[in-house]
Amino acid sequence: MLAFISWYLIATLLGWLTFPLAYQLFPALADRGYSLSRAAGLLIWGYVFWLFTSLGLTQNNVGGILFALLVLAGSSGWIIVNRKSEIGEWLKSNLRLILTVEVLFLIAFAFPAFIRAGNPELDNAEKPMELMFINAILRSPTFPPHDSWLSGYAISYYYFGYVMTAMLAKLTGLTGSIAHNLMTSLIFALAATGAYGILYDLLEINNPKSETEDHKSSI
């Protein structure tokens, strides 16, 4: 339960931290990227962490993870400074959308996590290989991570998704197996909110009311 709560809080805070950046990047969307902010934040955070660690600028530790998060926070902070009142006004006028996305994310994250808690074994299909990737990344001081199945070599297969999983595991102090199941649930939740956001944006395109409000705001 504590592991689930910690990941939920991190994902939620990450979404709010990234929203100003999404607001700036998706001006044509009715939800201004709010439904995608968690996924975008995780991708940007993970990429900055992977890039800096691969270049030797940071280490694969909590310090490197927090430094990458600081880079993301700095980008959003710069946008907040320049568009604070505009973003605040948008949030006030879209509380229903925000609450819907938040409730949907919580349900979509909790349901598969509950299912995986009843069957947490990772002993079939590709799960043992995926667990190896996560544990190898957790134990490697830099990137590319060591290959646990081929001593003396680095992982040559794609592994960015496992970097994000190990990143959250290291930050919350969880084992690779627990992190694997939580990331599976988190991906489902991010997909659910993203799909809702896409549907919302498509419906708003042909909404006469939203077009009228946009016209009034531009005057």
N, C-alpha and C. Protein backbone atom coordinates (compact mmCIF):
# COMPACT_ATOMS: atom_id res chain seq x y z
N MET A 1 0.82 -1.20 0.00
CA MET A 1 0.00 0.00 0.00
C MET A 1 0.86 1.27 0.00
N LEU A 2 1.91 1.29 0.84
CA LEU A 2 2.78 2.46 0.89
C LEU A 2 3.50 2.66 -0.43
N ALA A 3 3.89 1.55 -1.08
CA ALA A 3 4.57 1.65 -2.37
C ALA A 3 3.63 2.28 -3.41
N PHE A 4 2.37 1.85 -3.41
CA PHE A 4 1.39 2.40 -4.34
C PHE A 4 1.18 3.89 -4.08
N ILE A 5 1.03 4.25 -2.82
CA ILE A 5 0.80 5.66 -2.47
C ILE A 5 1.98 6.53 -2.88
N SER A 6 3.19 6.03 -2.65
CA SER A 6 4.38 6.83 -3.01
C SER A 6 4.45 7.06 -4.51
N TRP A 7 4.16 6.03 -5.30
CA TRP A 7 4.18 6.20 -6.76
C TRP A 7 3.05 7.10 -7.23
N TYR A 8 1.88 6.97 -6.60
CA TYR A 8 0.76 7.83 -6.98
C TYR A 8 1.09 9.29 -6.70
N LEU A 9 1.66 9.57 -5.55
CA LEU A 9 2.00 10.95 -5.20
C LEU A 9 3.07 11.51 -6.12
N ILE A 10 4.07 10.70 -6.44
CA ILE A 10 5.13 11.17 -7.33
C ILE A 10 4.57 11.46 -8.71
N ALA A 11 3.73 10.57 -9.23
CA ALA A 11 3.14 10.77 -10.56
C ALA A 11 2.25 12.01 -10.58
N THR A 12 1.49 12.21 -9.51
CA THR A 12 0.60 13.37 -9.45
C THR A 12 1.39 14.67 -9.36
N LEU A 13 2.37 14.71 -8.49
CA LEU A 13 3.22 15.91 -8.37
C LEU A 13 3.98 16.17 -9.66
N LEU A 14 4.41 15.10 -10.32
CA LEU A 14 5.12 15.26 -11.59
C LEU A 14 4.20 15.86 -12.64
N GLY A 15 2.94 15.44 -12.64
CA GLY A 15 1.99 15.99 -13.59
C GLY A 15 1.78 17.48 -13.39
N TRP A 16 1.63 17.89 -12.14
CA TRP A 16 1.45 19.31 -11.85
C TRP A 16 2.71 20.10 -12.16
N LEU A 17 3.85 19.49 -11.92
CA LEU A 17 5.12 20.16 -12.21
C LEU A 17 5.30 20.36 -13.71
N THR A 18 4.82 19.42 -14.50
CA THR A 18 5.02 19.47 -15.95
C THR A 18 3.93 20.25 -16.67
N PHE A 19 2.78 20.44 -16.03
CA PHE A 19 1.66 21.08 -16.73
C PHE A 19 2.00 22.43 -17.34
N PRO A 20 2.71 23.34 -16.67
CA PRO A 20 3.06 24.60 -17.34
C PRO A 20 3.80 24.40 -18.65
N LEU A 21 4.67 23.40 -18.68
CA LEU A 21 5.40 23.09 -19.91
C LEU A 21 4.45 22.55 -20.98
N ALA A 22 3.53 21.65 -20.56
CA ALA A 22 2.53 21.13 -21.50
C ALA A 22 1.61 22.24 -21.99
N TYR A 23 1.26 23.15 -21.12
CA TYR A 23 0.41 24.29 -21.48
C TYR A 23 1.07 25.12 -22.58
N GLN A 24 2.37 25.28 -22.48
CA GLN A 24 3.12 26.04 -23.47
C GLN A 24 3.25 25.27 -24.80
N LEU A 25 3.42 23.97 -24.72
CA LEU A 25 3.70 23.16 -25.90
C LEU A 25 2.45 22.76 -26.69
N PHE A 26 1.28 22.75 -26.04
CA PHE A 26 0.06 22.29 -26.71
C PHE A 26 -1.03 23.36 -26.68
N PRO A 27 -0.78 24.51 -27.31
CA PRO A 27 -1.77 25.59 -27.27
C PRO A 27 -3.05 25.29 -28.06
N ALA A 28 -2.97 24.35 -29.01
CA ALA A 28 -4.14 24.06 -29.84
C ALA A 28 -5.09 23.06 -29.20
N LEU A 29 -4.67 22.41 -28.12
CA LEU A 29 -5.51 21.41 -27.48
C LEU A 29 -6.45 22.06 -26.47
N ALA A 30 -7.67 21.56 -26.41
CA ALA A 30 -8.65 22.13 -25.48
C ALA A 30 -8.23 21.93 -24.03
N ASP A 31 -7.58 20.81 -23.74
CA ASP A 31 -7.15 20.56 -22.35
C ASP A 31 -5.73 21.06 -22.09
N ARG A 32 -5.13 21.73 -23.09
CA ARG A 32 -3.79 22.31 -22.99
C ARG A 32 -2.74 21.30 -22.52
N GLY A 33 -2.98 20.02 -22.83
CA GLY A 33 -2.02 18.98 -22.48
C GLY A 33 -2.11 18.49 -21.05
N TYR A 34 -3.16 18.89 -20.32
CA TYR A 34 -3.26 18.49 -18.91
C TYR A 34 -3.32 16.97 -18.77
N SER A 35 -4.10 16.31 -19.61
CA SER A 35 -4.24 14.86 -19.51
C SER A 35 -2.95 14.13 -19.88
N LEU A 36 -2.06 14.80 -20.58
CA LEU A 36 -0.79 14.19 -21.00
C LEU A 36 0.39 14.62 -20.15
N SER A 37 0.15 15.48 -19.17
CA SER A 37 1.26 16.08 -18.43
C SER A 37 2.05 15.07 -17.61
N ARG A 38 1.38 14.06 -17.04
CA ARG A 38 2.11 13.04 -16.28
C ARG A 38 3.05 12.24 -17.20
N ALA A 39 2.50 11.79 -18.33
CA ALA A 39 3.30 11.01 -19.27
C ALA A 39 4.44 11.84 -19.83
N ALA A 40 4.15 13.08 -20.20
CA ALA A 40 5.19 13.95 -20.73
C ALA A 40 6.27 14.22 -19.68
N GLY A 41 5.85 14.44 -18.44
CA GLY A 41 6.81 14.70 -17.38
C GLY A 41 7.72 13.51 -17.14
N LEU A 42 7.15 12.31 -17.13
CA LEU A 42 7.96 11.11 -16.91
C LEU A 42 8.95 10.91 -18.05
N LEU A 43 8.51 11.14 -19.29
CA LEU A 43 9.40 10.98 -20.44
C LEU A 43 10.54 12.00 -20.42
N ILE A 44 10.21 13.26 -20.16
CA ILE A 44 11.25 14.30 -20.13
C ILE A 44 12.21 14.07 -18.98
N TRP A 45 11.67 13.81 -17.81
CA TRP A 45 12.50 13.54 -16.63
C TRP A 45 13.42 12.36 -16.87
N GLY A 46 12.86 11.26 -17.38
CA GLY A 46 13.66 10.07 -17.65
C GLY A 46 14.71 10.31 -18.71
N TYR A 47 14.37 11.07 -19.76
CA TYR A 47 15.33 11.31 -20.83
C TYR A 47 16.50 12.17 -20.36
N VAL A 48 16.18 13.22 -19.60
CA VAL A 48 17.25 14.08 -19.08
C VAL A 48 18.17 13.29 -18.16
N PHE A 49 17.58 12.45 -17.31
CA PHE A 49 18.38 11.62 -16.41
C PHE A 49 19.25 10.65 -17.19
N TRP A 50 18.66 9.98 -18.19
CA TRP A 50 19.42 9.01 -19.01
C TRP A 50 20.54 9.71 -19.77
N LEU A 51 20.24 10.87 -20.36
CA LEU A 51 21.23 11.58 -21.18
C LEU A 51 22.40 12.06 -20.33
N PHE A 52 22.11 12.70 -19.21
CA PHE A 52 23.18 13.23 -18.36
C PHE A 52 24.04 12.10 -17.78
N THR A 53 23.40 10.99 -17.41
CA THR A 53 24.15 9.87 -16.85
C THR A 53 24.97 9.17 -17.93
N SER A 54 24.43 9.07 -19.14
CA SER A 54 25.16 8.45 -20.24
C SER A 54 26.38 9.29 -20.62
N LEU A 55 26.27 10.60 -20.49
CA LEU A 55 27.39 11.49 -20.82
C LEU A 55 28.38 11.64 -19.67
N GLY A 56 28.08 11.03 -18.54
CA GLY A 56 28.97 11.10 -17.39
C GLY A 56 28.83 12.37 -16.58
N LEU A 57 27.78 13.17 -16.85
CA LEU A 57 27.59 14.41 -16.11
C LEU A 57 26.97 14.17 -14.74
N THR A 58 26.23 13.07 -14.61
CA THR A 58 25.65 12.68 -13.32
C THR A 58 25.86 11.18 -13.14
N GLN A 59 25.57 10.70 -11.95
CA GLN A 59 25.65 9.28 -11.65
C GLN A 59 24.25 8.69 -11.55
N ASN A 60 24.19 7.39 -11.67
CA ASN A 60 22.92 6.70 -11.53
C ASN A 60 22.59 6.52 -10.06
N ASN A 61 22.18 7.61 -9.45
CA ASN A 61 21.82 7.60 -8.03
C ASN A 61 20.71 8.62 -7.79
N VAL A 62 20.30 8.74 -6.55
CA VAL A 62 19.21 9.66 -6.23
C VAL A 62 19.58 11.09 -6.57
N GLY A 63 20.85 11.45 -6.37
CA GLY A 63 21.29 12.79 -6.71
C GLY A 63 21.10 13.10 -8.19
N GLY A 64 21.48 12.16 -9.05
CA GLY A 64 21.30 12.35 -10.48
C GLY A 64 19.84 12.43 -10.87
N ILE A 65 19.01 11.63 -10.22
CA ILE A 65 17.57 11.64 -10.50
C ILE A 65 16.96 12.99 -10.12
N LEU A 66 17.32 13.49 -8.95
CA LEU A 66 16.78 14.78 -8.49
C LEU A 66 17.31 15.94 -9.33
N PHE A 67 18.55 15.82 -9.81
CA PHE A 67 19.09 16.88 -10.68
C PHE A 67 18.29 16.96 -11.98
N ALA A 68 17.97 15.79 -12.56
CA ALA A 68 17.16 15.77 -13.78
C ALA A 68 15.78 16.36 -13.52
N LEU A 69 15.22 16.07 -12.34
CA LEU A 69 13.92 16.64 -11.98
C LEU A 69 14.02 18.16 -11.84
N LEU A 70 15.14 18.62 -11.35
CA LEU A 70 15.36 20.07 -11.20
C LEU A 70 15.40 20.76 -12.56
N VAL A 71 15.97 20.10 -13.55
CA VAL A 71 15.99 20.65 -14.90
C VAL A 71 14.57 20.81 -15.43
N LEU A 72 13.75 19.78 -15.21
CA LEU A 72 12.35 19.85 -15.63
C LEU A 72 11.61 20.95 -14.88
N ALA A 73 11.85 21.03 -13.57
CA ALA A 73 11.20 22.06 -12.76
C ALA A 73 11.61 23.46 -13.20
N GLY A 74 12.87 23.62 -13.58
CA GLY A 74 13.34 24.92 -14.04
C GLY A 74 12.66 25.36 -15.33
N SER A 75 12.43 24.41 -16.24
CA SER A 75 11.75 24.73 -17.49
C SER A 75 10.31 25.17 -17.23
N SER A 76 9.62 24.44 -16.35
CA SER A 76 8.24 24.81 -16.02
C SER A 76 8.20 26.13 -15.24
N GLY A 77 9.18 26.31 -14.36
CA GLY A 77 9.23 27.53 -13.57
C GLY A 77 9.37 28.77 -14.43
N TRP A 78 10.18 28.67 -15.49
CA TRP A 78 10.36 29.80 -16.39
C TRP A 78 9.05 30.17 -17.07
N ILE A 79 8.26 29.16 -17.43
CA ILE A 79 6.97 29.41 -18.08
C ILE A 79 5.98 30.00 -17.08
N ILE A 80 5.99 29.51 -15.84
CA ILE A 80 5.10 30.05 -14.82
C ILE A 80 5.36 31.53 -14.59
N VAL A 81 6.62 31.92 -14.56
CA VAL A 81 6.97 33.32 -14.34
C VAL A 81 6.38 34.21 -15.42
N ASN A 82 6.37 33.72 -16.66
CA ASN A 82 5.90 34.53 -17.78
C ASN A 82 4.40 34.43 -18.03
N ARG A 83 3.76 33.33 -17.59
CA ARG A 83 2.35 33.13 -17.91
C ARG A 83 1.54 32.71 -16.68
N LYS A 84 1.93 33.18 -15.52
CA LYS A 84 1.30 32.76 -14.26
C LYS A 84 -0.19 33.05 -14.24
N SER A 85 -0.60 34.27 -14.54
CA SER A 85 -2.01 34.65 -14.47
C SER A 85 -2.84 33.90 -15.50
N GLU A 86 -2.28 33.69 -16.69
CA GLU A 86 -3.01 32.99 -17.75
C GLU A 86 -3.25 31.53 -17.38
N ILE A 87 -2.21 30.87 -16.85
CA ILE A 87 -2.35 29.47 -16.45
C ILE A 87 -3.32 29.34 -15.27
N GLY A 88 -3.22 30.26 -14.33
CA GLY A 88 -4.12 30.24 -13.18
C GLY A 88 -5.58 30.40 -13.59
N GLU A 89 -5.83 31.28 -14.54
CA GLU A 89 -7.20 31.49 -15.03
C GLU A 89 -7.72 30.24 -15.74
N TRP A 90 -6.85 29.58 -16.51
CA TRP A 90 -7.26 28.35 -17.19
C TRP A 90 -7.63 27.27 -16.18
N LEU A 91 -6.83 27.13 -15.15
CA LEU A 91 -7.10 26.12 -14.13
C LEU A 91 -8.44 26.38 -13.45
N LYS A 92 -8.74 27.62 -13.15
CA LYS A 92 -10.01 27.96 -12.48
C LYS A 92 -11.21 27.65 -13.37
N SER A 93 -11.07 27.87 -14.65
CA SER A 93 -12.20 27.68 -15.56
C SER A 93 -12.32 26.24 -16.07
N ASN A 94 -11.43 25.36 -15.68
CA ASN A 94 -11.46 23.98 -16.14
C ASN A 94 -11.37 22.98 -14.98
N LEU A 95 -11.98 23.33 -13.86
CA LEU A 95 -11.92 22.47 -12.67
C LEU A 95 -12.59 21.11 -12.92
N ARG A 96 -13.67 21.11 -13.69
CA ARG A 96 -14.36 19.84 -13.97
C ARG A 96 -13.45 18.89 -14.74
N LEU A 97 -12.76 19.40 -15.74
CA LEU A 97 -11.83 18.58 -16.51
C LEU A 97 -10.71 18.05 -15.61
N ILE A 98 -10.17 18.91 -14.77
CA ILE A 98 -9.07 18.53 -13.89
C ILE A 98 -9.50 17.42 -12.93
N LEU A 99 -10.68 17.60 -12.32
CA LEU A 99 -11.17 16.59 -11.37
C LEU A 99 -11.44 15.25 -12.08
N THR A 100 -11.97 15.32 -13.29
CA THR A 100 -12.24 14.10 -14.05
C THR A 100 -10.96 13.34 -14.35
N VAL A 101 -9.96 14.05 -14.80
CA VAL A 101 -8.67 13.42 -15.11
C VAL A 101 -8.04 12.83 -13.86
N GLU A 102 -8.12 13.54 -12.74
CA GLU A 102 -7.51 13.07 -11.51
C GLU A 102 -8.21 11.80 -10.99
N VAL A 103 -9.52 11.79 -11.02
CA VAL A 103 -10.27 10.61 -10.57
C VAL A 103 -10.00 9.43 -11.49
N LEU A 104 -9.99 9.68 -12.80
CA LEU A 104 -9.73 8.62 -13.76
C LEU A 104 -8.34 8.03 -13.55
N PHE A 105 -7.35 8.89 -13.33
CA PHE A 105 -5.99 8.39 -13.12
C PHE A 105 -5.91 7.52 -11.87
N LEU A 106 -6.53 7.96 -10.78
CA LEU A 106 -6.50 7.20 -9.54
C LEU A 106 -7.13 5.82 -9.72
N ILE A 107 -8.30 5.77 -10.36
CA ILE A 107 -8.98 4.49 -10.57
C ILE A 107 -8.17 3.59 -11.50
N ALA A 108 -7.68 4.18 -12.60
CA ALA A 108 -6.95 3.39 -13.59
C ALA A 108 -5.60 2.91 -13.07
N PHE A 109 -5.05 3.59 -12.08
CA PHE A 109 -3.80 3.16 -11.47
C PHE A 109 -4.05 2.13 -10.37
N ALA A 110 -5.09 2.37 -9.58
CA ALA A 110 -5.37 1.49 -8.44
C ALA A 110 -5.88 0.12 -8.87
N PHE A 111 -6.72 0.07 -9.90
CA PHE A 111 -7.33 -1.21 -10.29
C PHE A 111 -6.30 -2.24 -10.75
N PRO A 112 -5.43 -1.94 -11.74
CA PRO A 112 -4.43 -2.95 -12.13
C PRO A 112 -3.41 -3.22 -11.03
N ALA A 113 -3.13 -2.22 -10.19
CA ALA A 113 -2.20 -2.45 -9.08
C ALA A 113 -2.80 -3.46 -8.10
N PHE A 114 -4.09 -3.36 -7.87
CA PHE A 114 -4.78 -4.32 -7.00
C PHE A 114 -4.74 -5.72 -7.60
N ILE A 115 -4.96 -5.80 -8.91
CA ILE A 115 -4.91 -7.10 -9.59
C ILE A 115 -3.52 -7.71 -9.51
N ARG A 116 -2.49 -6.89 -9.75
CA ARG A 116 -1.11 -7.39 -9.72
C ARG A 116 -0.70 -7.77 -8.30
N ALA A 117 -1.27 -7.10 -7.31
CA ALA A 117 -0.94 -7.44 -5.92
C ALA A 117 -1.40 -8.86 -5.58
N GLY A 118 -2.45 -9.32 -6.22
CA GLY A 118 -2.93 -10.68 -5.99
C GLY A 118 -2.18 -11.73 -6.78
N ASN A 119 -1.42 -11.30 -7.78
CA ASN A 119 -0.64 -12.22 -8.61
C ASN A 119 0.65 -11.53 -9.04
N PRO A 120 1.57 -11.32 -8.09
CA PRO A 120 2.76 -10.50 -8.37
C PRO A 120 3.93 -11.25 -9.02
N GLU A 121 3.79 -12.54 -9.27
CA GLU A 121 4.92 -13.32 -9.78
C GLU A 121 5.36 -12.83 -11.16
N LEU A 122 6.67 -12.86 -11.37
CA LEU A 122 7.25 -12.44 -12.65
C LEU A 122 8.06 -13.60 -13.22
N ASP A 123 7.40 -14.72 -13.49
CA ASP A 123 8.11 -15.93 -13.87
C ASP A 123 7.63 -16.50 -15.21
N ASN A 124 7.04 -15.65 -16.06
CA ASN A 124 6.58 -16.15 -17.34
C ASN A 124 6.81 -15.13 -18.43
N ALA A 125 6.76 -15.61 -19.67
CA ALA A 125 6.94 -14.76 -20.86
C ALA A 125 8.25 -13.98 -20.76
N GLU A 126 8.21 -12.66 -21.00
CA GLU A 126 9.42 -11.84 -20.99
C GLU A 126 9.70 -11.21 -19.63
N LYS A 127 8.86 -11.50 -18.65
CA LYS A 127 9.00 -10.84 -17.35
C LYS A 127 10.37 -11.08 -16.68
N PRO A 128 10.94 -12.30 -16.73
CA PRO A 128 12.28 -12.47 -16.13
C PRO A 128 13.34 -11.58 -16.79
N MET A 129 13.27 -11.42 -18.11
CA MET A 129 14.22 -10.55 -18.80
C MET A 129 14.00 -9.10 -18.39
N GLU A 130 12.74 -8.68 -18.30
CA GLU A 130 12.44 -7.31 -17.91
C GLU A 130 12.92 -7.03 -16.49
N LEU A 131 12.74 -8.01 -15.60
CA LEU A 131 13.21 -7.84 -14.23
C LEU A 131 14.73 -7.75 -14.19
N MET A 132 15.41 -8.52 -15.06
CA MET A 132 16.87 -8.43 -15.15
C MET A 132 17.29 -7.03 -15.56
N PHE A 133 16.61 -6.46 -16.54
CA PHE A 133 16.93 -5.10 -16.99
C PHE A 133 16.82 -4.11 -15.83
N ILE A 134 15.70 -4.19 -15.10
CA ILE A 134 15.46 -3.24 -14.01
C ILE A 134 16.54 -3.39 -12.92
N ASN A 135 16.82 -4.63 -12.52
CA ASN A 135 17.82 -4.86 -11.47
C ASN A 135 19.21 -4.46 -11.93
N ALA A 136 19.52 -4.69 -13.21
CA ALA A 136 20.83 -4.30 -13.73
C ALA A 136 20.99 -2.78 -13.70
N ILE A 137 19.92 -2.07 -14.06
CA ILE A 137 19.98 -0.60 -14.03
C ILE A 137 20.10 -0.09 -12.60
N LEU A 138 19.41 -0.74 -11.67
CA LEU A 138 19.49 -0.33 -10.27
C LEU A 138 20.90 -0.48 -9.72
N ARG A 139 21.66 -1.45 -10.25
CA ARG A 139 22.99 -1.75 -9.71
C ARG A 139 24.14 -1.13 -10.52
N SER A 140 23.83 -0.51 -11.65
CA SER A 140 24.89 0.07 -12.48
C SER A 140 25.14 1.53 -12.09
N PRO A 141 26.40 1.93 -11.90
CA PRO A 141 26.69 3.31 -11.50
C PRO A 141 26.48 4.31 -12.62
N THR A 142 26.52 3.85 -13.88
CA THR A 142 26.34 4.75 -15.02
C THR A 142 25.65 3.99 -16.14
N PHE A 143 25.46 4.64 -17.29
CA PHE A 143 24.81 4.02 -18.44
C PHE A 143 25.78 3.94 -19.60
N PRO A 144 25.69 2.94 -20.48
CA PRO A 144 24.69 1.88 -20.46
C PRO A 144 24.90 0.91 -19.31
N PRO A 145 23.83 0.33 -18.78
CA PRO A 145 23.94 -0.56 -17.61
C PRO A 145 24.60 -1.89 -17.97
N HIS A 146 25.13 -2.55 -16.97
CA HIS A 146 25.74 -3.86 -17.16
C HIS A 146 24.68 -4.90 -17.51
N ASP A 147 25.07 -5.83 -18.36
CA ASP A 147 24.18 -6.92 -18.74
C ASP A 147 24.38 -8.09 -17.77
N SER A 148 23.39 -8.38 -16.97
CA SER A 148 23.51 -9.45 -15.97
C SER A 148 23.56 -10.83 -16.60
N TRP A 149 23.13 -10.95 -17.83
CA TRP A 149 23.13 -12.24 -18.50
C TRP A 149 24.35 -12.43 -19.41
N LEU A 150 25.18 -11.40 -19.54
CA LEU A 150 26.37 -11.50 -20.37
C LEU A 150 27.48 -10.70 -19.68
N SER A 151 28.15 -11.35 -18.75
CA SER A 151 29.13 -10.69 -17.90
C SER A 151 30.20 -9.96 -18.70
N GLY A 152 30.48 -8.74 -18.29
CA GLY A 152 31.50 -7.94 -18.94
C GLY A 152 30.98 -7.08 -20.08
N TYR A 153 29.71 -7.18 -20.39
CA TYR A 153 29.12 -6.40 -21.49
C TYR A 153 27.99 -5.52 -20.95
N ALA A 154 27.67 -4.50 -21.73
CA ALA A 154 26.56 -3.62 -21.38
C ALA A 154 25.31 -4.06 -22.12
N ILE A 155 24.17 -3.66 -21.63
CA ILE A 155 22.90 -3.98 -22.28
C ILE A 155 22.86 -3.26 -23.63
N SER A 156 22.75 -4.00 -24.70
CA SER A 156 22.70 -3.40 -26.04
C SER A 156 21.28 -3.30 -26.57
N TYR A 157 20.35 -3.91 -25.87
CA TYR A 157 18.95 -3.87 -26.24
C TYR A 157 18.33 -2.57 -25.76
N TYR A 158 17.20 -2.17 -26.32
CA TYR A 158 16.58 -0.93 -25.85
C TYR A 158 16.17 -1.09 -24.38
N TYR A 159 16.38 -0.02 -23.59
CA TYR A 159 16.12 -0.15 -22.15
C TYR A 159 15.61 1.13 -21.51
N PHE A 160 15.20 2.12 -22.31
CA PHE A 160 14.79 3.39 -21.74
C PHE A 160 13.58 3.25 -20.82
N GLY A 161 12.61 2.43 -21.20
CA GLY A 161 11.45 2.23 -20.33
C GLY A 161 11.82 1.66 -18.98
N TYR A 162 12.84 0.81 -18.97
CA TYR A 162 13.30 0.23 -17.71
C TYR A 162 14.10 1.24 -16.90
N VAL A 163 14.71 2.21 -17.59
CA VAL A 163 15.39 3.30 -16.87
C VAL A 163 14.38 4.08 -16.05
N MET A 164 13.24 4.40 -16.65
CA MET A 164 12.21 5.14 -15.92
C MET A 164 11.67 4.32 -14.75
N THR A 165 11.52 3.01 -14.95
CA THR A 165 11.06 2.15 -13.87
C THR A 165 12.06 2.11 -12.73
N ALA A 166 13.34 1.90 -13.07
CA ALA A 166 14.39 1.85 -12.05
C ALA A 166 14.56 3.21 -11.38
N MET A 167 14.35 4.27 -12.12
CA MET A 167 14.47 5.62 -11.57
C MET A 167 13.46 5.82 -10.44
N LEU A 168 12.21 5.44 -10.69
CA LEU A 168 11.19 5.56 -9.65
C LEU A 168 11.43 4.59 -8.50
N ALA A 169 11.95 3.39 -8.83
CA ALA A 169 12.25 2.41 -7.79
C ALA A 169 13.35 2.92 -6.87
N LYS A 170 14.39 3.50 -7.46
CA LYS A 170 15.50 4.00 -6.67
C LYS A 170 15.06 5.18 -5.80
N LEU A 171 14.20 6.02 -6.35
CA LEU A 171 13.74 7.19 -5.61
C LEU A 171 12.85 6.80 -4.44
N THR A 172 12.08 5.73 -4.59
CA THR A 172 11.16 5.30 -3.52
C THR A 172 11.71 4.15 -2.69
N GLY A 173 12.89 3.65 -3.03
CA GLY A 173 13.52 2.58 -2.27
C GLY A 173 12.85 1.23 -2.41
N LEU A 174 12.29 0.94 -3.58
CA LEU A 174 11.59 -0.32 -3.82
C LEU A 174 12.47 -1.31 -4.57
N THR A 175 12.13 -2.58 -4.46
CA THR A 175 12.84 -3.60 -5.21
C THR A 175 12.38 -3.59 -6.67
N GLY A 176 13.17 -4.23 -7.53
CA GLY A 176 12.84 -4.25 -8.94
C GLY A 176 11.52 -4.94 -9.24
N SER A 177 11.20 -6.00 -8.51
CA SER A 177 9.97 -6.74 -8.78
C SER A 177 8.72 -5.92 -8.45
N ILE A 178 8.75 -5.21 -7.34
CA ILE A 178 7.60 -4.36 -6.98
C ILE A 178 7.47 -3.22 -7.98
N ALA A 179 8.62 -2.63 -8.35
CA ALA A 179 8.60 -1.54 -9.32
C ALA A 179 8.06 -1.99 -10.67
N HIS A 180 8.37 -3.20 -11.08
CA HIS A 180 7.87 -3.73 -12.35
C HIS A 180 6.35 -3.75 -12.36
N ASN A 181 5.74 -4.25 -11.32
CA ASN A 181 4.28 -4.33 -11.25
C ASN A 181 3.64 -2.95 -11.16
N LEU A 182 4.27 -2.06 -10.41
CA LEU A 182 3.73 -0.71 -10.30
C LEU A 182 3.84 0.05 -11.62
N MET A 183 4.94 -0.16 -12.35
CA MET A 183 5.10 0.52 -13.63
C MET A 183 4.08 0.00 -14.65
N THR A 184 3.79 -1.30 -14.60
CA THR A 184 2.76 -1.86 -15.47
C THR A 184 1.42 -1.17 -15.22
N SER A 185 1.10 -0.97 -13.95
CA SER A 185 -0.15 -0.30 -13.58
C SER A 185 -0.11 1.17 -13.97
N LEU A 186 1.05 1.80 -13.80
CA LEU A 186 1.18 3.22 -14.11
C LEU A 186 1.03 3.46 -15.61
N ILE A 187 1.59 2.59 -16.43
CA ILE A 187 1.45 2.73 -17.88
C ILE A 187 -0.02 2.64 -18.28
N PHE A 188 -0.75 1.71 -17.66
CA PHE A 188 -2.18 1.59 -17.94
C PHE A 188 -2.91 2.88 -17.59
N ALA A 189 -2.58 3.45 -16.43
CA ALA A 189 -3.24 4.68 -16.00
C ALA A 189 -2.90 5.85 -16.90
N LEU A 190 -1.65 5.95 -17.32
CA LEU A 190 -1.24 7.04 -18.22
C LEU A 190 -1.92 6.90 -19.58
N ALA A 191 -2.07 5.66 -20.03
CA ALA A 191 -2.77 5.42 -21.30
C ALA A 191 -4.25 5.79 -21.18
N ALA A 192 -4.86 5.49 -20.05
CA ALA A 192 -6.28 5.80 -19.85
C ALA A 192 -6.52 7.30 -19.85
N THR A 193 -5.71 8.04 -19.10
CA THR A 193 -5.89 9.50 -19.06
C THR A 193 -5.53 10.14 -20.40
N GLY A 194 -4.52 9.59 -21.07
CA GLY A 194 -4.16 10.11 -22.38
C GLY A 194 -5.27 9.89 -23.40
N ALA A 195 -5.89 8.71 -23.37
CA ALA A 195 -7.00 8.42 -24.28
C ALA A 195 -8.19 9.34 -24.00
N TYR A 196 -8.46 9.56 -22.70
CA TYR A 196 -9.54 10.47 -22.35
C TYR A 196 -9.25 11.88 -22.86
N GLY A 197 -8.01 12.32 -22.71
CA GLY A 197 -7.64 13.65 -23.16
C GLY A 197 -7.78 13.80 -24.67
N ILE A 198 -7.39 12.79 -25.42
CA ILE A 198 -7.51 12.84 -26.88
C ILE A 198 -8.99 12.93 -27.28
N LEU A 199 -9.83 12.11 -26.64
CA LEU A 199 -11.27 12.14 -26.94
C LEU A 199 -11.86 13.51 -26.57
N TYR A 200 -11.47 14.04 -25.43
CA TYR A 200 -11.96 15.35 -25.00
C TYR A 200 -11.58 16.43 -26.00
N ASP A 201 -10.34 16.41 -26.46
CA ASP A 201 -9.87 17.42 -27.41
C ASP A 201 -10.59 17.31 -28.75
N LEU A 202 -10.82 16.07 -29.20
CA LEU A 202 -11.52 15.88 -30.47
C LEU A 202 -12.96 16.37 -30.40
N LEU A 203 -13.63 16.10 -29.28
CA LEU A 203 -15.01 16.53 -29.12
C LEU A 203 -15.10 18.06 -29.02
N GLU A 204 -14.11 18.67 -28.39
CA GLU A 204 -14.13 20.12 -28.21
C GLU A 204 -13.88 20.87 -29.52
N ILE A 205 -13.28 20.19 -30.49
CA ILE A 205 -13.02 20.85 -31.78
C ILE A 205 -14.33 21.29 -32.44
N ASN A 206 -15.37 20.44 -32.32
CA ASN A 206 -16.66 20.73 -32.94
C ASN A 206 -17.69 21.24 -31.94
N ASN A 207 -17.20 21.75 -30.81
CA ASN A 207 -18.11 22.27 -29.79
C ASN A 207 -18.33 23.76 -30.02
N PRO A 208 -19.51 24.19 -30.46
CA PRO A 208 -19.76 25.62 -30.73
C PRO A 208 -19.53 26.50 -29.50
N LYS A 209 -19.85 25.97 -28.32
CA LYS A 209 -19.70 26.74 -27.10
C LYS A 209 -18.24 27.09 -26.85
N SER A 210 -17.35 26.11 -27.03
CA SER A 210 -15.93 26.35 -26.79
C SER A 210 -15.38 27.33 -27.81
N GLU A 211 -15.89 27.29 -29.08
CA GLU A 211 -15.43 28.22 -30.10
C GLU A 211 -15.84 29.65 -29.75
N THR A 212 -17.07 29.79 -29.19
CA THR A 212 -17.54 31.11 -28.79
C THR A 212 -16.70 31.66 -27.65
N GLU A 213 -16.37 30.82 -26.68
CA GLU A 213 -15.55 31.25 -25.55
C GLU A 213 -14.15 31.62 -26.00
N ASP A 214 -13.58 30.87 -26.97
CA ASP A 214 -12.27 31.20 -27.49
C ASP A 214 -12.28 32.54 -28.20
N HIS A 215 -13.38 32.82 -28.91
CA HIS A 215 -13.49 34.09 -29.62
C HIS A 215 -13.56 35.25 -28.64
N LYS A 216 -14.34 35.06 -27.55
CA LYS A 216 -14.46 36.11 -26.55
C LYS A 216 -13.12 36.37 -25.86
N SER A 217 -12.38 35.31 -25.58
CA SER A 217 -11.10 35.47 -24.86
C SER A 217 -10.06 36.15 -25.74
N SER A 218 -10.21 36.04 -27.07
CA SER A 218 -9.23 36.66 -27.97
C SER A 218 -9.51 38.12 -28.22
N ILE A 219 -10.75 38.56 -27.86
CA ILE A 219 -11.11 39.97 -28.08
C ILE A 219 -10.48 40.86 -26.98
